[in-house]
Amino acid sequence: MFAGISMWQLLIVLAIVIMIFGTKKLRNMGGDLGSAVKGFKDAMNKEPEDSKKPEALTDQKLQDADFEETKKKDQDKV
């Protein structure tokens, strides 16, 4: 099967691992591994935060400039 390892040898190794760690600990390790892989995939698909910040800052600066311009016009009217 795997480079000369038979099915019986794999079953014996699996039985020893279960006896040493127990099923609960193996289940927890499997869940932790799964959540780590899921987190890694999510991080790879997410856009970097740095690419979003300049646009947000630009929008904020434009809003501030419009506010200041409106404020000056209101002061001129008074």
Protein backbone atom coordinates (compact mmCIF):
# COMPACT_ATOMS: atom_id res chain seq x y z
CA MET A 1 0.00 0.00 0.00
CA PHE A 2 2.35 2.78 1.24
CA ALA A 3 5.92 1.74 0.38
CA GLY A 4 5.61 -1.74 1.86
CA ILE A 5 3.30 -0.90 4.79
CA SER A 6 0.31 -3.20 4.87
CA MET A 7 -3.22 -2.42 6.03
CA TRP A 8 -2.72 -4.47 9.23
CA GLN A 9 0.36 -2.48 10.20
CA LEU A 10 -1.54 0.79 9.73
CA LEU A 11 -4.40 -0.51 11.89
CA ILE A 12 -1.98 -1.53 14.65
CA VAL A 13 -0.35 1.93 14.60
CA LEU A 14 -3.80 3.57 14.68
CA ALA A 15 -4.83 1.42 17.67
CA ILE A 16 -1.64 2.38 19.56
CA VAL A 17 -2.18 6.08 18.84
CA ILE A 18 -5.78 5.85 20.10
CA MET A 19 -4.62 4.05 23.26
CA ILE A 20 -1.98 6.69 23.96
CA PHE A 21 -3.95 9.86 23.21
CA GLY A 22 -7.56 8.76 23.57
CA THR A 23 -10.41 9.55 21.23
CA LYS A 24 -11.34 12.85 22.90
CA LYS A 25 -7.88 14.34 22.51
CA LEU A 26 -7.65 13.15 18.88
CA ARG A 27 -11.04 14.73 18.17
CA ASN A 28 -9.88 18.03 19.71
CA MET A 29 -6.67 18.00 17.68
CA GLY A 30 -8.66 17.35 14.50
CA GLY A 31 -11.00 20.24 15.27
CA ASP A 32 -8.09 22.56 15.99
CA LEU A 33 -6.38 21.58 12.77
CA GLY A 34 -9.60 22.15 10.80
CA SER A 35 -10.18 25.60 12.28
CA ALA A 36 -6.55 26.55 11.60
CA VAL A 37 -6.90 25.54 7.94
CA LYS A 38 -10.19 27.46 7.68
CA GLY A 39 -8.61 30.57 9.21
CA PHE A 40 -5.70 30.33 6.80
CA LYS A 41 -8.03 30.05 3.79
CA ASP A 42 -10.08 33.03 4.99
CA ALA A 43 -6.93 35.11 5.45
CA MET A 44 -5.71 34.23 1.95
CA ASN A 45 -9.03 35.25 0.37
CA LYS A 46 -9.32 38.52 2.31
CA GLU A 47 -7.98 41.77 0.86
CA PRO A 48 -5.18 43.42 2.79
CA GLU A 49 -6.31 46.17 5.15
CA ASP A 50 -3.66 48.53 3.79
CA SER A 51 -5.34 48.72 0.38
CA LYS A 52 -8.63 49.85 1.95
CA LYS A 53 -7.22 52.56 4.24
CA PRO A 54 -6.12 55.12 1.62
CA GLU A 55 -9.59 55.19 0.05
CA ALA A 56 -11.23 55.68 3.43
CA LEU A 57 -8.81 58.46 4.30
CA THR A 58 -9.40 60.15 0.96
CA ASP A 59 -13.17 60.02 1.46
CA GLN A 60 -12.80 61.47 4.95
CA LYS A 61 -10.56 64.27 3.69
CA LEU A 62 -13.08 65.13 0.99
CA GLN A 63 -15.88 65.27 3.55
CA ASP A 64 -13.77 67.48 5.81
CA ALA A 65 -12.95 69.81 2.91
CA ASP A 66 -16.63 70.07 1.94
CA PHE A 67 -17.55 70.80 5.55
CA GLU A 68 -14.92 73.54 5.83
CA GLU A 69 -16.04 75.05 2.53
CA THR A 70 -19.68 75.07 3.63
CA LYS A 71 -18.68 76.56 6.99
CA LYS A 72 -16.82 79.41 5.27
CA LYS A 73 -19.80 80.16 3.01
CA ASP A 74 -22.11 80.27 6.02
CA GLN A 75 -19.76 82.67 7.83
CA ASP A 76 -19.60 84.93 4.74
CA LYS A 77 -23.41 85.14 4.62
CA VAL A 78 -23.61 86.36 8.21
